[in-house]
Amino acid sequence: MTKFNKINIDCFNLIINELRMDKRSLRSCLLVNKEWCNIAVPILWKNHSWCNEDKPEKLFTAIFSCLPSSSKQILSDYNIKLPSTKSPLFNYVSFCEFPKPKIINKIIGIVLKGRYNREILYDGETLDYGKTLYDNEKLDDREEL
């Protein structure tokens, strides 16, 4: 095999990036091999259409699987049961542009399926799920520095 049989990874990345608007083709790239998958996943998740999914629960399960254990513990403390998941192959959320608060509230509403209001009373204080999780995530990021 000559060195010309293999496409330079940077060139290949540029080619695959041209498919960014063609989600179906990008999803096909996931199945070719690990190298293609490593290039396609960040592109697919970069500008994710957060709530335009046919089955948003699958999307949210993927997001929850990427939460740090401290955020999962906060949810558990509020008796919110997360689906059991395996560790993801990628930290999918790290590739995403973070959604606006309005979208976060929509996600929370879908996940909780109307069981709670957006704000709840816990130990005498009012808590906002989205803010608590987001603030916790920012703290985790600072700890890594």
N, C-alpha and C. Protein backbone atom coordinates (compact mmCIF):
# COMPACT_ATOMS: atom_id res chain seq x y z
N MET A 1 0.85 -1.17 0.00
CA MET A 1 0.00 0.00 0.00
C MET A 1 0.90 1.24 0.00
N THR A 2 0.64 2.12 -0.92
CA THR A 2 1.43 3.35 -0.97
C THR A 2 0.82 4.40 -0.07
N LYS A 3 1.59 5.44 0.18
CA LYS A 3 1.08 6.51 1.04
C LYS A 3 -0.06 7.27 0.39
N PHE A 4 -0.26 7.10 -0.93
CA PHE A 4 -1.36 7.79 -1.62
C PHE A 4 -2.69 7.05 -1.47
N ASN A 5 -2.66 5.83 -0.96
CA ASN A 5 -3.90 5.09 -0.77
C ASN A 5 -4.71 5.62 0.41
N LYS A 6 -4.06 6.31 1.28
CA LYS A 6 -4.75 6.84 2.44
C LYS A 6 -4.88 8.35 2.30
N ILE A 7 -6.09 8.84 2.47
CA ILE A 7 -6.33 10.28 2.37
C ILE A 7 -5.83 10.94 3.65
N ASN A 8 -5.14 12.04 3.50
CA ASN A 8 -4.71 12.83 4.65
C ASN A 8 -5.93 13.15 5.50
N ILE A 9 -5.81 12.97 6.81
CA ILE A 9 -6.94 13.14 7.72
C ILE A 9 -7.53 14.55 7.66
N ASP A 10 -6.69 15.56 7.47
CA ASP A 10 -7.19 16.93 7.38
C ASP A 10 -8.04 17.12 6.12
N CYS A 11 -7.59 16.56 5.01
CA CYS A 11 -8.37 16.64 3.77
C CYS A 11 -9.69 15.89 3.93
N PHE A 12 -9.60 14.73 4.54
CA PHE A 12 -10.80 13.93 4.73
C PHE A 12 -11.80 14.66 5.63
N ASN A 13 -11.29 15.31 6.66
CA ASN A 13 -12.14 16.08 7.56
C ASN A 13 -12.86 17.19 6.79
N LEU A 14 -12.16 17.87 5.90
CA LEU A 14 -12.78 18.92 5.08
C LEU A 14 -13.87 18.35 4.18
N ILE A 15 -13.61 17.18 3.62
CA ILE A 15 -14.60 16.55 2.74
C ILE A 15 -15.86 16.19 3.53
N ILE A 16 -15.68 15.52 4.66
CA ILE A 16 -16.83 15.11 5.48
C ILE A 16 -17.57 16.34 6.01
N ASN A 17 -16.83 17.40 6.33
CA ASN A 17 -17.46 18.62 6.83
C ASN A 17 -18.41 19.23 5.80
N GLU A 18 -18.16 18.99 4.53
CA GLU A 18 -19.05 19.49 3.47
C GLU A 18 -20.43 18.82 3.55
N LEU A 19 -20.51 17.70 4.24
CA LEU A 19 -21.79 16.99 4.41
C LEU A 19 -22.58 17.49 5.62
N ARG A 20 -22.10 18.53 6.29
CA ARG A 20 -22.71 18.96 7.55
C ARG A 20 -24.21 19.22 7.46
N MET A 21 -24.71 19.59 6.30
CA MET A 21 -26.14 19.85 6.16
C MET A 21 -26.91 18.58 5.76
N ASP A 22 -26.19 17.54 5.41
CA ASP A 22 -26.81 16.29 4.97
C ASP A 22 -26.68 15.25 6.10
N LYS A 23 -27.60 15.34 7.05
CA LYS A 23 -27.54 14.48 8.24
C LYS A 23 -27.57 13.00 7.90
N ARG A 24 -28.33 12.65 6.89
CA ARG A 24 -28.44 11.23 6.52
C ARG A 24 -27.08 10.68 6.07
N SER A 25 -26.39 11.43 5.23
CA SER A 25 -25.06 10.98 4.78
C SER A 25 -24.07 10.95 5.93
N LEU A 26 -24.15 11.95 6.80
CA LEU A 26 -23.25 11.96 7.96
C LEU A 26 -23.50 10.75 8.85
N ARG A 27 -24.76 10.40 9.04
CA ARG A 27 -25.07 9.21 9.86
C ARG A 27 -24.52 7.95 9.20
N SER A 28 -24.51 7.91 7.89
CA SER A 28 -23.93 6.77 7.19
C SER A 28 -22.42 6.69 7.44
N CYS A 29 -21.78 7.85 7.55
CA CYS A 29 -20.34 7.88 7.81
C CYS A 29 -20.00 7.25 9.16
N LEU A 30 -20.93 7.31 10.10
CA LEU A 30 -20.70 6.73 11.42
C LEU A 30 -20.43 5.23 11.34
N LEU A 31 -20.98 4.60 10.32
CA LEU A 31 -20.93 3.14 10.23
C LEU A 31 -19.75 2.60 9.42
N VAL A 32 -18.98 3.48 8.79
CA VAL A 32 -17.89 3.02 7.92
C VAL A 32 -16.75 2.43 8.74
N ASN A 33 -16.16 3.23 9.58
CA ASN A 33 -15.09 2.76 10.47
C ASN A 33 -14.88 3.80 11.57
N LYS A 34 -13.97 3.50 12.48
CA LYS A 34 -13.77 4.37 13.64
C LYS A 34 -13.28 5.76 13.23
N GLU A 35 -12.39 5.82 12.25
CA GLU A 35 -11.85 7.10 11.81
C GLU A 35 -12.96 8.01 11.26
N TRP A 36 -13.82 7.45 10.42
CA TRP A 36 -14.93 8.22 9.86
C TRP A 36 -15.88 8.65 10.98
N CYS A 37 -16.13 7.75 11.90
CA CYS A 37 -17.02 8.04 13.02
C CYS A 37 -16.47 9.19 13.86
N ASN A 38 -15.16 9.17 14.13
CA ASN A 38 -14.53 10.23 14.92
C ASN A 38 -14.65 11.59 14.26
N ILE A 39 -14.75 11.62 12.95
CA ILE A 39 -14.91 12.89 12.23
C ILE A 39 -16.37 13.30 12.16
N ALA A 40 -17.26 12.34 11.96
CA ALA A 40 -18.68 12.65 11.75
C ALA A 40 -19.41 13.05 13.04
N VAL A 41 -19.08 12.43 14.16
CA VAL A 41 -19.81 12.70 15.41
C VAL A 41 -19.76 14.18 15.80
N PRO A 42 -18.59 14.82 15.85
CA PRO A 42 -18.59 16.24 16.22
C PRO A 42 -19.39 17.12 15.26
N ILE A 43 -19.38 16.79 13.98
CA ILE A 43 -20.14 17.57 13.00
C ILE A 43 -21.64 17.40 13.24
N LEU A 44 -22.07 16.16 13.49
CA LEU A 44 -23.49 15.90 13.74
C LEU A 44 -23.99 16.61 14.99
N TRP A 45 -23.16 16.68 16.00
CA TRP A 45 -23.61 17.23 17.28
C TRP A 45 -23.35 18.72 17.43
N LYS A 46 -22.54 19.32 16.54
CA LYS A 46 -22.20 20.73 16.71
C LYS A 46 -23.43 21.64 16.71
N ASN A 47 -24.25 21.54 15.71
CA ASN A 47 -25.44 22.39 15.61
C ASN A 47 -26.68 21.53 15.70
N HIS A 48 -26.78 20.83 16.78
CA HIS A 48 -27.89 19.89 16.93
C HIS A 48 -29.21 20.64 17.04
N SER A 49 -30.22 20.14 16.38
CA SER A 49 -31.57 20.72 16.50
C SER A 49 -32.23 20.08 17.71
N TRP A 50 -32.07 20.71 18.84
CA TRP A 50 -32.38 20.14 20.14
C TRP A 50 -33.75 19.52 20.29
N CYS A 51 -34.76 20.17 19.84
CA CYS A 51 -36.11 19.66 20.11
C CYS A 51 -36.86 19.31 18.84
N ASN A 52 -36.16 19.12 17.74
CA ASN A 52 -36.82 18.74 16.50
C ASN A 52 -36.62 17.26 16.20
N GLU A 53 -36.42 16.50 17.21
CA GLU A 53 -36.21 15.07 17.06
C GLU A 53 -37.54 14.32 17.05
N ASP A 54 -37.56 13.20 16.33
CA ASP A 54 -38.74 12.34 16.35
C ASP A 54 -38.94 11.73 17.73
N LYS A 55 -37.85 11.33 18.34
CA LYS A 55 -37.90 10.69 19.66
C LYS A 55 -36.95 11.44 20.59
N PRO A 56 -37.42 12.55 21.18
CA PRO A 56 -36.51 13.35 22.01
C PRO A 56 -35.96 12.60 23.22
N GLU A 57 -36.66 11.58 23.69
CA GLU A 57 -36.16 10.84 24.85
C GLU A 57 -34.80 10.21 24.57
N LYS A 58 -34.58 9.73 23.34
CA LYS A 58 -33.29 9.14 22.98
C LYS A 58 -32.19 10.19 23.04
N LEU A 59 -32.50 11.38 22.53
CA LEU A 59 -31.54 12.48 22.58
C LEU A 59 -31.20 12.83 24.02
N PHE A 60 -32.22 12.94 24.86
CA PHE A 60 -31.98 13.33 26.24
C PHE A 60 -31.26 12.24 27.03
N THR A 61 -31.51 10.99 26.69
CA THR A 61 -30.78 9.90 27.33
C THR A 61 -29.29 10.03 27.00
N ALA A 62 -28.98 10.37 25.75
CA ALA A 62 -27.58 10.57 25.37
C ALA A 62 -26.98 11.74 26.14
N ILE A 63 -27.74 12.81 26.29
CA ILE A 63 -27.26 13.98 27.03
C ILE A 63 -27.04 13.60 28.50
N PHE A 64 -28.01 12.92 29.11
CA PHE A 64 -27.88 12.55 30.51
C PHE A 64 -26.69 11.62 30.74
N SER A 65 -26.40 10.77 29.77
CA SER A 65 -25.27 9.85 29.94
C SER A 65 -23.95 10.60 30.00
N CYS A 66 -23.92 11.83 29.48
CA CYS A 66 -22.70 12.65 29.50
C CYS A 66 -22.59 13.55 30.73
N LEU A 67 -23.64 13.59 31.54
CA LEU A 67 -23.59 14.44 32.74
C LEU A 67 -22.53 13.94 33.71
N PRO A 68 -21.86 14.87 34.38
CA PRO A 68 -20.93 14.43 35.43
C PRO A 68 -21.71 13.81 36.58
N SER A 69 -21.05 12.96 37.33
CA SER A 69 -21.75 12.26 38.41
C SER A 69 -22.34 13.22 39.43
N SER A 70 -21.72 14.39 39.62
CA SER A 70 -22.26 15.35 40.59
C SER A 70 -23.62 15.88 40.13
N SER A 71 -23.80 16.09 38.82
CA SER A 71 -25.11 16.53 38.31
C SER A 71 -26.14 15.42 38.41
N LYS A 72 -25.70 14.19 38.15
CA LYS A 72 -26.61 13.05 38.28
C LYS A 72 -27.07 12.92 39.73
N GLN A 73 -26.15 13.20 40.66
CA GLN A 73 -26.50 13.12 42.08
C GLN A 73 -27.54 14.18 42.44
N ILE A 74 -27.40 15.39 41.90
CA ILE A 74 -28.39 16.44 42.16
C ILE A 74 -29.77 15.97 41.70
N LEU A 75 -29.85 15.40 40.51
CA LEU A 75 -31.13 14.90 40.01
C LEU A 75 -31.67 13.80 40.92
N SER A 76 -30.80 12.92 41.35
CA SER A 76 -31.21 11.84 42.24
C SER A 76 -31.73 12.40 43.57
N ASP A 77 -31.09 13.45 44.07
CA ASP A 77 -31.52 14.08 45.31
C ASP A 77 -32.94 14.62 45.21
N TYR A 78 -33.37 14.98 44.01
CA TYR A 78 -34.72 15.49 43.77
C TYR A 78 -35.67 14.39 43.29
N ASN A 79 -35.25 13.14 43.50
CA ASN A 79 -36.05 11.98 43.11
C ASN A 79 -36.37 11.94 41.62
N ILE A 80 -35.45 12.43 40.82
CA ILE A 80 -35.59 12.34 39.37
C ILE A 80 -34.77 11.15 38.92
N LYS A 81 -35.44 10.17 38.39
CA LYS A 81 -34.78 8.95 37.98
C LYS A 81 -34.31 9.08 36.53
N LEU A 82 -33.03 8.87 36.34
CA LEU A 82 -32.47 8.91 35.00
C LEU A 82 -32.46 7.50 34.44
N PRO A 83 -32.59 7.39 33.12
CA PRO A 83 -32.49 6.05 32.53
C PRO A 83 -31.07 5.52 32.74
N SER A 84 -30.97 4.23 33.01
CA SER A 84 -29.63 3.66 33.17
C SER A 84 -28.99 3.57 31.80
N THR A 85 -27.75 4.01 31.73
CA THR A 85 -27.04 4.04 30.45
C THR A 85 -25.61 3.57 30.64
N LYS A 86 -25.06 3.09 29.55
CA LYS A 86 -23.64 2.76 29.53
C LYS A 86 -22.88 4.07 29.33
N SER A 87 -21.61 4.04 29.65
CA SER A 87 -20.78 5.21 29.36
C SER A 87 -20.75 5.41 27.85
N PRO A 88 -20.95 6.65 27.41
CA PRO A 88 -20.96 6.89 25.96
C PRO A 88 -19.56 6.79 25.36
N LEU A 89 -19.50 6.50 24.07
CA LEU A 89 -18.21 6.45 23.37
C LEU A 89 -17.61 7.85 23.24
N PHE A 90 -18.47 8.85 23.16
CA PHE A 90 -18.04 10.24 23.03
C PHE A 90 -18.74 11.07 24.09
N ASN A 91 -18.15 12.19 24.44
CA ASN A 91 -18.85 13.16 25.27
C ASN A 91 -19.60 14.07 24.29
N TYR A 92 -20.74 13.59 23.84
CA TYR A 92 -21.49 14.24 22.77
C TYR A 92 -21.77 15.71 23.08
N VAL A 93 -22.10 16.00 24.31
CA VAL A 93 -22.47 17.36 24.69
C VAL A 93 -21.29 18.31 24.49
N SER A 94 -20.07 17.82 24.61
CA SER A 94 -18.90 18.69 24.44
C SER A 94 -18.79 19.23 23.02
N PHE A 95 -19.43 18.57 22.07
CA PHE A 95 -19.39 19.03 20.67
C PHE A 95 -20.49 20.05 20.37
N CYS A 96 -21.43 20.19 21.26
CA CYS A 96 -22.62 21.02 21.01
C CYS A 96 -22.40 22.47 21.36
N GLU A 97 -23.12 23.31 20.64
CA GLU A 97 -23.28 24.67 21.10
C GLU A 97 -24.40 24.60 22.12
N PHE A 98 -24.17 25.17 23.29
CA PHE A 98 -25.12 25.02 24.38
C PHE A 98 -26.43 25.69 24.02
N PRO A 99 -27.55 25.01 24.24
CA PRO A 99 -28.85 25.59 23.87
C PRO A 99 -29.24 26.77 24.76
N LYS A 100 -30.09 27.59 24.23
CA LYS A 100 -30.61 28.76 24.96
C LYS A 100 -31.49 28.27 26.12
N PRO A 101 -31.65 29.11 27.17
CA PRO A 101 -32.47 28.71 28.34
C PRO A 101 -33.88 28.27 27.96
N LYS A 102 -34.47 28.89 26.95
CA LYS A 102 -35.82 28.51 26.52
C LYS A 102 -35.85 27.04 26.06
N ILE A 103 -34.82 26.63 25.34
CA ILE A 103 -34.73 25.24 24.87
C ILE A 103 -34.47 24.31 26.06
N ILE A 104 -33.63 24.74 27.00
CA ILE A 104 -33.36 23.92 28.18
C ILE A 104 -34.67 23.66 28.93
N ASN A 105 -35.48 24.69 29.08
CA ASN A 105 -36.76 24.52 29.77
C ASN A 105 -37.67 23.56 29.01
N LYS A 106 -37.63 23.61 27.68
CA LYS A 106 -38.42 22.68 26.87
C LYS A 106 -37.94 21.24 27.09
N ILE A 107 -36.62 21.07 27.12
CA ILE A 107 -36.04 19.75 27.37
C ILE A 107 -36.50 19.24 28.74
N ILE A 108 -36.41 20.10 29.74
CA ILE A 108 -36.82 19.72 31.10
C ILE A 108 -38.28 19.30 31.10
N GLY A 109 -39.12 20.08 30.43
CA GLY A 109 -40.55 19.75 30.36
C GLY A 109 -40.80 18.40 29.73
N ILE A 110 -40.07 18.10 28.66
CA ILE A 110 -40.25 16.81 27.98
C ILE A 110 -39.77 15.67 28.88
N VAL A 111 -38.61 15.86 29.49
CA VAL A 111 -38.04 14.80 30.32
C VAL A 111 -38.91 14.52 31.54
N LEU A 112 -39.36 15.57 32.19
CA LEU A 112 -40.16 15.39 33.39
C LEU A 112 -41.62 15.07 33.08
N LYS A 113 -42.01 15.23 31.82
CA LYS A 113 -43.35 14.88 31.35
C LYS A 113 -44.45 15.47 32.22
N GLY A 114 -44.25 16.73 32.63
CA GLY A 114 -45.30 17.41 33.37
C GLY A 114 -45.46 16.96 34.81
N ARG A 115 -44.55 16.13 35.33
CA ARG A 115 -44.68 15.66 36.71
C ARG A 115 -44.41 16.77 37.71
N TYR A 116 -43.62 17.74 37.33
CA TYR A 116 -43.27 18.84 38.22
C TYR A 116 -43.40 20.14 37.45
N ASN A 117 -43.51 21.23 38.19
CA ASN A 117 -43.36 22.53 37.56
C ASN A 117 -41.87 22.74 37.32
N ARG A 118 -41.54 23.76 36.56
CA ARG A 118 -40.12 24.03 36.30
C ARG A 118 -39.39 24.33 37.59
N GLU A 119 -40.04 25.01 38.49
CA GLU A 119 -39.44 25.29 39.79
C GLU A 119 -40.11 24.40 40.83
N ILE A 120 -39.33 23.92 41.77
CA ILE A 120 -39.89 23.08 42.82
C ILE A 120 -39.45 23.62 44.17
N LEU A 121 -40.15 23.22 45.19
CA LEU A 121 -39.78 23.58 46.55
C LEU A 121 -39.04 22.40 47.14
N TYR A 122 -37.82 22.62 47.59
CA TYR A 122 -37.02 21.55 48.16
C TYR A 122 -36.32 22.10 49.40
N ASP A 123 -36.53 21.48 50.51
CA ASP A 123 -35.94 21.91 51.78
C ASP A 123 -36.12 23.41 52.02
N GLY A 124 -37.33 23.90 51.72
CA GLY A 124 -37.63 25.30 52.02
C GLY A 124 -37.12 26.30 51.01
N GLU A 125 -36.45 25.86 49.96
CA GLU A 125 -35.98 26.83 48.97
C GLU A 125 -36.49 26.44 47.59
N THR A 126 -36.66 27.44 46.76
CA THR A 126 -37.13 27.19 45.40
C THR A 126 -35.91 26.94 44.52
N LEU A 127 -35.98 25.87 43.75
CA LEU A 127 -34.87 25.51 42.88
C LEU A 127 -35.32 25.49 41.43
N ASP A 128 -34.44 25.85 40.57
CA ASP A 128 -34.69 25.82 39.13
C ASP A 128 -33.79 24.72 38.57
N TYR A 129 -34.38 23.65 38.06
CA TYR A 129 -33.59 22.50 37.58
C TYR A 129 -32.50 22.92 36.61
N GLY A 130 -32.87 23.65 35.56
CA GLY A 130 -31.90 24.02 34.53
C GLY A 130 -30.75 24.82 35.10
N LYS A 131 -31.03 25.80 35.93
CA LYS A 131 -29.98 26.62 36.51
C LYS A 131 -29.09 25.79 37.42
N THR A 132 -29.67 24.92 38.22
CA THR A 132 -28.89 24.10 39.14
C THR A 132 -27.92 23.21 38.36
N LEU A 133 -28.41 22.55 37.31
CA LEU A 133 -27.54 21.67 36.53
C LEU A 133 -26.47 22.47 35.80
N TYR A 134 -26.86 23.61 35.21
CA TYR A 134 -25.91 24.41 34.47
C TYR A 134 -24.83 24.97 35.39
N ASP A 135 -25.23 25.50 36.55
CA ASP A 135 -24.26 26.03 37.51
C ASP A 135 -23.31 24.93 37.96
N ASN A 136 -23.85 23.73 38.19
CA ASN A 136 -23.03 22.61 38.61
C ASN A 136 -22.02 22.26 37.52
N GLU A 137 -22.44 22.30 36.26
CA GLU A 137 -21.56 22.00 35.14
C GLU A 137 -20.42 23.02 35.08
N LYS A 138 -20.72 24.31 35.31
CA LYS A 138 -19.69 25.34 35.30
C LYS A 138 -18.69 25.10 36.42
N LEU A 139 -19.16 24.65 37.58
CA LEU A 139 -18.25 24.35 38.68
C LEU A 139 -17.33 23.20 38.31
N ASP A 140 -17.88 22.16 37.68
CA ASP A 140 -17.07 21.02 37.26
C ASP A 140 -15.99 21.45 36.28
N ASP A 141 -16.34 22.38 35.35
CA ASP A 141 -15.37 22.87 34.38
C ASP A 141 -14.22 23.60 35.08
N ARG A 142 -14.54 24.39 36.11
CA ARG A 142 -13.51 25.13 36.83
C ARG A 142 -12.58 24.19 37.57
N GLU A 143 -13.11 23.08 38.07
CA GLU A 143 -12.28 22.13 38.81
C GLU A 143 -11.23 21.50 37.91
N GLU A 144 -11.52 21.38 36.60
CA GLU A 144 -10.58 20.76 35.68
C GLU A 144 -9.42 21.68 35.34
N LEU A 145 -9.57 22.99 35.54
CA LEU A 145 -8.52 23.95 35.18
C LEU A 145 -7.32 23.84 36.04
